[in-house]
């Protein structure tokens, strides 16, 4: 399966690929949160059995960037093996993982198996105005899509994020941006107007994977109204 991120991709975030049928009406892809999968479920077995129509974005997020996967070789090995499945169209890898020497081979390994690479960076406390362009630029350097998720403390943080998004998108550099939290919640709807290529939402409203997310149906409807 293929995702070229040439236009907006609405990704349904879920810890279970069994949610794919429910996501199909509103999503373009399904983000499989491997780190949130039930402990009695082998995510690689789930990927092997997956026969859904939506392409998969595989994410195995570490704890310090908002996930539940412990850092270490086992987490990275699962992500490498996930990239080898034909239905996995993209993998999400943290910028720190790519640059700290532990997962520097992951982007090339994923591309060798036909998967795109989303390189991401998350800040769950604030919006680093002075470093935002630098961080997004580095994510774009290593990834086919550079992703930055920040936390907005005021509307100015959202404006800064949207400005940087527009700057990169105008230069034909695929990016995905969002401001987490209630203050930045609307960014999930309007960031695509400024060039963000991925919008995330949970299939089940009770299982949000980041602060301030809309449920999938609501996000798709709001984006549709603005298009």
C-alpha atoms as a PDB file:
ATOM      1  CA  UNK A   1       0.000   0.000   0.000  1.00  0.00           C
ATOM      2  CA  UNK A   2       1.179   3.527  -0.688  1.00  0.00           C
ATOM      3  CA  UNK A   3       0.905   6.964   0.900  1.00  0.00           C
ATOM      4  CA  UNK A   4       2.612   9.803  -0.939  1.00  0.00           C
ATOM      5  CA  UNK A   5       1.554  12.621   1.408  1.00  0.00           C
ATOM      6  CA  UNK A   6       1.064  14.851  -1.603  1.00  0.00           C
ATOM      7  CA  UNK A   7      -2.216  15.923  -0.059  1.00  0.00           C
ATOM      8  CA  UNK A   8      -3.818  15.696   3.361  1.00  0.00           C
ATOM      9  CA  UNK A   9      -3.978  12.273   4.992  1.00  0.00           C
ATOM     10  CA  UNK A  10      -6.489  11.844   7.815  1.00  0.00           C
ATOM     11  CA  UNK A  11      -5.049   9.138  10.047  1.00  0.00           C
ATOM     12  CA  UNK A  12      -7.244   7.189  12.448  1.00  0.00           C
ATOM     13  CA  UNK A  13      -5.162   6.460  15.538  1.00  0.00           C
ATOM     14  CA  UNK A  14      -5.881   3.193  17.309  1.00  0.00           C
ATOM     15  CA  UNK A  15      -4.164   0.457  19.319  1.00  0.00           C
ATOM     16  CA  UNK A  16      -6.138  -2.194  17.429  1.00  0.00           C
ATOM     17  CA  UNK A  17      -6.251  -2.867  13.709  1.00  0.00           C
ATOM     18  CA  UNK A  18      -9.719  -4.316  14.306  1.00  0.00           C
ATOM     19  CA  UNK A  19     -10.920  -0.693  14.341  1.00  0.00           C
ATOM     20  CA  UNK A  20     -10.156  -0.326  10.628  1.00  0.00           C
ATOM     21  CA  UNK A  21     -13.733  -0.944   9.409  1.00  0.00           C
ATOM     22  CA  UNK A  22     -15.038   1.793  11.721  1.00  0.00           C
ATOM     23  CA  UNK A  23     -12.340   4.175  10.490  1.00  0.00           C
ATOM     24  CA  UNK A  24     -12.942   3.577   6.804  1.00  0.00           C
ATOM     25  CA  UNK A  25     -15.725   6.107   6.360  1.00  0.00           C
ATOM     26  CA  UNK A  26     -13.621   9.043   7.525  1.00  0.00           C
ATOM     27  CA  UNK A  27      -9.916   8.167   7.306  1.00  0.00           C
ATOM     28  CA  UNK A  28      -7.289   7.795   4.596  1.00  0.00           C
ATOM     29  CA  UNK A  29      -4.964   5.698   6.747  1.00  0.00           C
ATOM     30  CA  UNK A  30      -4.903   3.939  10.075  1.00  0.00           C
ATOM     31  CA  UNK A  31      -2.167   4.734  12.574  1.00  0.00           C
ATOM     32  CA  UNK A  32      -1.448   1.535  14.458  1.00  0.00           C
ATOM     33  CA  UNK A  33      -0.208   2.535  17.912  1.00  0.00           C
ATOM     34  CA  UNK A  34       1.844  -0.539  18.640  1.00  0.00           C
ATOM     35  CA  UNK A  35       2.904   0.846  22.010  1.00  0.00           C
ATOM     36  CA  UNK A  36      -0.734   1.022  23.146  1.00  0.00           C
ATOM     37  CA  UNK A  37      -1.758  -2.439  21.947  1.00  0.00           C
ATOM     38  CA  UNK A  38      -3.069  -4.882  24.538  1.00  0.00           C
ATOM     39  CA  UNK A  39      -0.337  -6.809  26.304  1.00  0.00           C
ATOM     40  CA  UNK A  40      -1.823 -10.106  25.143  1.00  0.00           C
ATOM     41  CA  UNK A  41      -1.702  -9.038  21.499  1.00  0.00           C
ATOM     42  CA  UNK A  42       1.376  -9.510  19.334  1.00  0.00           C
ATOM     43  CA  UNK A  43       1.401  -6.433  17.048  1.00  0.00           C
ATOM     44  CA  UNK A  44       3.418  -8.204  14.382  1.00  0.00           C
ATOM     45  CA  UNK A  45       0.870 -11.012  14.261  1.00  0.00           C
ATOM     46  CA  UNK A  46      -1.846  -8.371  13.964  1.00  0.00           C
ATOM     47  CA  UNK A  47      -0.043  -6.773  11.026  1.00  0.00           C
ATOM     48  CA  UNK A  48       0.444 -10.139   9.378  1.00  0.00           C
ATOM     49  CA  UNK A  49      -3.285 -10.871   9.639  1.00  0.00           C
ATOM     50  CA  UNK A  50      -4.396  -7.371   8.594  1.00  0.00           C
ATOM     51  CA  UNK A  51      -6.583  -7.332   5.481  1.00  0.00           C
ATOM     52  CA  UNK A  52      -8.094  -3.867   5.772  1.00  0.00           C
ATOM     53  CA  UNK A  53      -8.352  -1.396   2.916  1.00  0.00           C
ATOM     54  CA  UNK A  54      -6.643   1.491   4.685  1.00  0.00           C
ATOM     55  CA  UNK A  55      -2.839   1.723   4.540  1.00  0.00           C
ATOM     56  CA  UNK A  56      -1.101   1.505   7.908  1.00  0.00           C
ATOM     57  CA  UNK A  57       1.169   3.987   9.639  1.00  0.00           C
ATOM     58  CA  UNK A  58       3.116   2.020  12.249  1.00  0.00           C
ATOM     59  CA  UNK A  59       4.019   3.884  15.445  1.00  0.00           C
ATOM     60  CA  UNK A  60       5.781   2.467  18.493  1.00  0.00           C
ATOM     61  CA  UNK A  61       6.091   5.588  20.619  1.00  0.00           C
ATOM     62  CA  UNK A  62       8.520   5.904  23.524  1.00  0.00           C
ATOM     63  CA  UNK A  63       7.327   7.062  26.938  1.00  0.00           C
ATOM     64  CA  UNK A  64       9.137  10.394  26.980  1.00  0.00           C
ATOM     65  CA  UNK A  65       7.379  11.433  23.780  1.00  0.00           C
ATOM     66  CA  UNK A  66       3.885  10.484  24.876  1.00  0.00           C
ATOM     67  CA  UNK A  67       3.799   6.737  24.274  1.00  0.00           C
ATOM     68  CA  UNK A  68       4.020   3.658  26.435  1.00  0.00           C
ATOM     69  CA  UNK A  69       6.887   1.744  24.851  1.00  0.00           C
ATOM     70  CA  UNK A  70      10.043   1.461  26.938  1.00  0.00           C
ATOM     71  CA  UNK A  71      13.196   2.570  25.201  1.00  0.00           C
ATOM     72  CA  UNK A  72      15.506  -0.127  23.992  1.00  0.00           C
ATOM     73  CA  UNK A  73      16.451  -2.468  21.185  1.00  0.00           C
ATOM     74  CA  UNK A  74      13.243  -4.515  21.368  1.00  0.00           C
ATOM     75  CA  UNK A  75      11.019  -1.511  20.570  1.00  0.00           C
ATOM     76  CA  UNK A  76      13.145  -0.602  17.574  1.00  0.00           C
ATOM     77  CA  UNK A  77      13.252  -4.181  16.336  1.00  0.00           C
ATOM     78  CA  UNK A  78       9.449  -4.334  16.363  1.00  0.00           C
ATOM     79  CA  UNK A  79       9.315  -1.118  14.323  1.00  0.00           C
ATOM     80  CA  UNK A  80      11.877  -2.429  11.825  1.00  0.00           C
ATOM     81  CA  UNK A  81       9.899  -5.632  11.364  1.00  0.00           C
ATOM     82  CA  UNK A  82       6.642  -3.701  11.073  1.00  0.00           C
ATOM     83  CA  UNK A  83       8.081  -1.731   8.154  1.00  0.00           C
ATOM     84  CA  UNK A  84       8.576  -4.976   6.253  1.00  0.00           C
ATOM     85  CA  UNK A  85       4.846  -5.708   5.948  1.00  0.00           C
ATOM     86  CA  UNK A  86       3.413  -4.700   2.550  1.00  0.00           C
ATOM     87  CA  UNK A  87       0.362  -3.041   4.118  1.00  0.00           C
ATOM     88  CA  UNK A  88       2.538  -0.740   6.240  1.00  0.00           C
ATOM     89  CA  UNK A  89       2.822   2.369   4.095  1.00  0.00           C
ATOM     90  CA  UNK A  90       4.740   4.470   6.617  1.00  0.00           C
ATOM     91  CA  UNK A  91       6.487   4.282   9.967  1.00  0.00           C
ATOM     92  CA  UNK A  92       6.747   7.055  12.547  1.00  0.00           C
ATOM     93  CA  UNK A  93      10.186   7.454  14.138  1.00  0.00           C
ATOM     94  CA  UNK A  94      11.141  10.066  16.730  1.00  0.00           C
ATOM     95  CA  UNK A  95      13.773  12.587  15.698  1.00  0.00           C
ATOM     96  CA  UNK A  96      15.744  11.797  18.829  1.00  0.00           C
ATOM     97  CA  UNK A  97      15.718   8.095  17.951  1.00  0.00           C
ATOM     98  CA  UNK A  98      17.148   8.796  14.502  1.00  0.00           C
ATOM     99  CA  UNK A  99      19.835  11.162  15.741  1.00  0.00           C
ATOM    100  CA  UNK A 100      21.005   9.505  18.965  1.00  0.00           C
ATOM    101  CA  UNK A 101      22.538   6.514  17.209  1.00  0.00           C
ATOM    102  CA  UNK A 102      20.032   3.906  18.360  1.00  0.00           C
ATOM    103  CA  UNK A 103      17.718   4.045  15.367  1.00  0.00           C
ATOM    104  CA  UNK A 104      19.740   5.765  12.689  1.00  0.00           C
ATOM    105  CA  UNK A 105      19.237   2.812  10.319  1.00  0.00           C
ATOM    106  CA  UNK A 106      15.449   2.828  10.632  1.00  0.00           C
ATOM    107  CA  UNK A 107      14.679   5.320   7.836  1.00  0.00           C
ATOM    108  CA  UNK A 108      16.769   3.463   5.252  1.00  0.00           C
ATOM    109  CA  UNK A 109      15.423   0.094   6.388  1.00  0.00           C
ATOM    110  CA  UNK A 110      11.831   1.305   6.059  1.00  0.00           C
ATOM    111  CA  UNK A 111      12.424   2.782   2.602  1.00  0.00           C
ATOM    112  CA  UNK A 112      14.088  -0.420   1.423  1.00  0.00           C
ATOM    113  CA  UNK A 113      10.763  -2.139   2.120  1.00  0.00           C
ATOM    114  CA  UNK A 114       8.646   0.523   0.419  1.00  0.00           C
ATOM    115  CA  UNK A 115       7.516   2.408   3.526  1.00  0.00           C
ATOM    116  CA  UNK A 116       7.632   6.165   3.881  1.00  0.00           C
ATOM    117  CA  UNK A 117       9.206   7.671   6.983  1.00  0.00           C
ATOM    118  CA  UNK A 118       7.585  10.191   9.310  1.00  0.00           C
ATOM    119  CA  UNK A 119      10.180  11.714  11.621  1.00  0.00           C
ATOM    120  CA  UNK A 120       8.502  13.293  14.619  1.00  0.00           C
ATOM    121  CA  UNK A 121       9.231  15.496  17.611  1.00  0.00           C
ATOM    122  CA  UNK A 122       6.859  16.184  20.532  1.00  0.00           C
ATOM    123  CA  UNK A 123       6.786  18.779  23.292  1.00  0.00           C
ATOM    124  CA  UNK A 124       4.119  18.196  25.935  1.00  0.00           C
ATOM    125  CA  UNK A 125       4.895  21.353  27.908  1.00  0.00           C
ATOM    126  CA  UNK A 126       5.190  24.332  25.589  1.00  0.00           C
ATOM    127  CA  UNK A 127       5.935  25.675  22.102  1.00  0.00           C
ATOM    128  CA  UNK A 128       9.669  26.295  21.572  1.00  0.00           C
ATOM    129  CA  UNK A 129       9.398  29.379  19.360  1.00  0.00           C
ATOM    130  CA  UNK A 130      13.137  29.864  18.983  1.00  0.00           C
ATOM    131  CA  UNK A 131      13.707  26.235  17.900  1.00  0.00           C
ATOM    132  CA  UNK A 132      10.548  25.411  15.986  1.00  0.00           C
ATOM    133  CA  UNK A 133      11.929  25.952  12.481  1.00  0.00           C
ATOM    134  CA  UNK A 134      15.147  24.155  13.361  1.00  0.00           C
ATOM    135  CA  UNK A 135      13.343  21.127  14.764  1.00  0.00           C
ATOM    136  CA  UNK A 136      10.931  20.861  11.846  1.00  0.00           C
ATOM    137  CA  UNK A 137      13.809  21.289   9.406  1.00  0.00           C
ATOM    138  CA  UNK A 138      15.772  18.472  11.020  1.00  0.00           C
ATOM    139  CA  UNK A 139      12.706  16.225  10.981  1.00  0.00           C
ATOM    140  CA  UNK A 140      12.291  16.942   7.258  1.00  0.00           C
ATOM    141  CA  UNK A 141      15.964  16.213   6.685  1.00  0.00           C
ATOM    142  CA  UNK A 142      15.614  12.659   7.941  1.00  0.00           C
ATOM    143  CA  UNK A 143      11.999  11.931   7.042  1.00  0.00           C
ATOM    144  CA  UNK A 144       9.758  11.933   4.018  1.00  0.00           C
ATOM    145  CA  UNK A 145       7.458  13.910   6.295  1.00  0.00           C
ATOM    146  CA  UNK A 146       8.670  16.071   9.164  1.00  0.00           C
ATOM    147  CA  UNK A 147       6.257  16.117  12.091  1.00  0.00           C
ATOM    148  CA  UNK A 148       6.190  18.473  15.074  1.00  0.00           C
ATOM    149  CA  UNK A 149       3.585  18.385  17.838  1.00  0.00           C
ATOM    150  CA  UNK A 150       3.820  21.128  20.447  1.00  0.00           C
ATOM    151  CA  UNK A 151       1.700  22.283  23.364  1.00  0.00           C
ATOM    152  CA  UNK A 152       0.040  25.682  23.023  1.00  0.00           C
ATOM    153  CA  UNK A 153      -0.172  27.893  26.093  1.00  0.00           C
ATOM    154  CA  UNK A 154      -1.795  30.806  24.243  1.00  0.00           C
ATOM    155  CA  UNK A 155      -3.054  31.690  20.736  1.00  0.00           C
ATOM    156  CA  UNK A 156       0.342  33.132  19.852  1.00  0.00           C
ATOM    157  CA  UNK A 157       1.835  29.662  20.070  1.00  0.00           C
ATOM    158  CA  UNK A 158      -0.669  28.430  17.509  1.00  0.00           C
ATOM    159  CA  UNK A 159       0.051  31.352  15.199  1.00  0.00           C
ATOM    160  CA  UNK A 160       3.777  30.602  15.386  1.00  0.00           C
ATOM    161  CA  UNK A 161       3.180  26.955  14.528  1.00  0.00           C
ATOM    162  CA  UNK A 162       0.925  27.792  11.594  1.00  0.00           C
ATOM    163  CA  UNK A 163       3.446  30.296  10.244  1.00  0.00           C
ATOM    164  CA  UNK A 164       6.272  27.758  10.331  1.00  0.00           C
ATOM    165  CA  UNK A 165       3.981  25.160   8.769  1.00  0.00           C
ATOM    166  CA  UNK A 166       3.163  27.484   5.884  1.00  0.00           C
ATOM    167  CA  UNK A 167       6.836  28.354   5.422  1.00  0.00           C
ATOM    168  CA  UNK A 168       7.884  24.721   5.029  1.00  0.00           C
ATOM    169  CA  UNK A 169       4.852  23.644   2.996  1.00  0.00           C
ATOM    170  CA  UNK A 170       5.422  26.533   0.555  1.00  0.00           C
ATOM    171  CA  UNK A 171       8.841  25.089  -0.115  1.00  0.00           C
ATOM    172  CA  UNK A 172       7.375  21.704  -1.037  1.00  0.00           C
ATOM    173  CA  UNK A 173       8.641  20.075   2.158  1.00  0.00           C
ATOM    174  CA  UNK A 174       5.929  17.722   3.460  1.00  0.00           C
ATOM    175  CA  UNK A 175       5.195  18.465   7.100  1.00  0.00           C
ATOM    176  CA  UNK A 176       2.645  17.474   9.707  1.00  0.00           C
ATOM    177  CA  UNK A 177       2.027  19.894  12.563  1.00  0.00           C
ATOM    178  CA  UNK A 178      -0.387  20.257  15.451  1.00  0.00           C
ATOM    179  CA  UNK A 179      -0.678  22.116  18.737  1.00  0.00           C
ATOM    180  CA  UNK A 180      -1.779  19.852  21.562  1.00  0.00           C
ATOM    181  CA  UNK A 181      -4.047  20.833  24.439  1.00  0.00           C
ATOM    182  CA  UNK A 182      -7.304  22.771  24.532  1.00  0.00           C
ATOM    183  CA  UNK A 183      -5.753  26.094  23.494  1.00  0.00           C
ATOM    184  CA  UNK A 184      -4.330  24.537  20.364  1.00  0.00           C
ATOM    185  CA  UNK A 185      -7.128  22.128  19.613  1.00  0.00           C
ATOM    186  CA  UNK A 186      -8.401  24.061  16.603  1.00  0.00           C
ATOM    187  CA  UNK A 187      -4.963  23.725  14.982  1.00  0.00           C
ATOM    188  CA  UNK A 188      -5.835  20.132  14.168  1.00  0.00           C
ATOM    189  CA  UNK A 189      -8.536  21.463  11.865  1.00  0.00           C
ATOM    190  CA  UNK A 190      -6.861  24.554  10.421  1.00  0.00           C
ATOM    191  CA  UNK A 191      -3.225  23.369  10.118  1.00  0.00           C
ATOM    192  CA  UNK A 192      -4.075  21.482   6.886  1.00  0.00           C
ATOM    193  CA  UNK A 193      -5.080  24.837   5.371  1.00  0.00           C
ATOM    194  CA  UNK A 194      -1.505  25.982   5.969  1.00  0.00           C
ATOM    195  CA  UNK A 195       0.045  22.875   4.459  1.00  0.00           C
ATOM    196  CA  UNK A 196       0.075  20.202   7.166  1.00  0.00           C
ATOM    197  CA  UNK A 197      -0.206  16.816   5.441  1.00  0.00           C
ATOM    198  CA  UNK A 198      -1.404  14.591   8.290  1.00  0.00           C
ATOM    199  CA  UNK A 199      -4.298  15.059  10.712  1.00  0.00           C
ATOM    200  CA  UNK A 200      -4.710  12.536  13.517  1.00  0.00           C
ATOM    201  CA  UNK A 201      -7.818  11.511  15.428  1.00  0.00           C
ATOM    202  CA  UNK A 202      -8.851   8.493  17.484  1.00  0.00           C
ATOM    203  CA  UNK A 203     -11.489   6.139  16.160  1.00  0.00           C
ATOM    204  CA  UNK A 204     -12.864   5.844  19.705  1.00  0.00           C
ATOM    205  CA  UNK A 205     -13.280   9.252  21.436  1.00  0.00           C
ATOM    206  CA  UNK A 206     -12.478   7.547  24.742  1.00  0.00           C
ATOM    207  CA  UNK A 207      -9.058   6.477  23.477  1.00  0.00           C
ATOM    208  CA  UNK A 208      -7.385   9.725  22.448  1.00  0.00           C
ATOM    209  CA  UNK A 209      -3.668   9.300  21.818  1.00  0.00           C
ATOM    210  CA  UNK A 210      -2.737  12.956  22.436  1.00  0.00           C
ATOM    211  CA  UNK A 211      -4.208  15.906  24.374  1.00  0.00           C
ATOM    212  CA  UNK A 212      -6.884  17.906  22.572  1.00  0.00           C
ATOM    213  CA  UNK A 213      -7.734  15.458  19.814  1.00  0.00           C
ATOM    214  CA  UNK A 214     -11.141  15.524  18.165  1.00  0.00           C
ATOM    215  CA  UNK A 215     -12.784  12.202  17.492  1.00  0.00           C
ATOM    216  CA  UNK A 216     -12.339  10.951  13.952  1.00  0.00           C
ATOM    217  CA  UNK A 217     -15.815  11.715  12.627  1.00  0.00           C
ATOM    218  CA  UNK A 218     -15.779  15.254  14.022  1.00  0.00           C
ATOM    219  CA  UNK A 219     -12.305  16.034  12.684  1.00  0.00           C
ATOM    220  CA  UNK A 220     -13.155  14.766   9.206  1.00  0.00           C
ATOM    221  CA  UNK A 221     -16.373  16.775   9.181  1.00  0.00           C
ATOM    222  CA  UNK A 222     -14.719  20.019  10.308  1.00  0.00           C
ATOM    223  CA  UNK A 223     -11.878  19.687   7.822  1.00  0.00           C
ATOM    224  CA  UNK A 224     -14.393  18.893   5.096  1.00  0.00           C
ATOM    225  CA  UNK A 225     -16.317  22.070   5.853  1.00  0.00           C
ATOM    226  CA  UNK A 226     -13.187  24.199   5.488  1.00  0.00           C
ATOM    227  CA  UNK A 227     -11.931  22.641   2.286  1.00  0.00           C
END
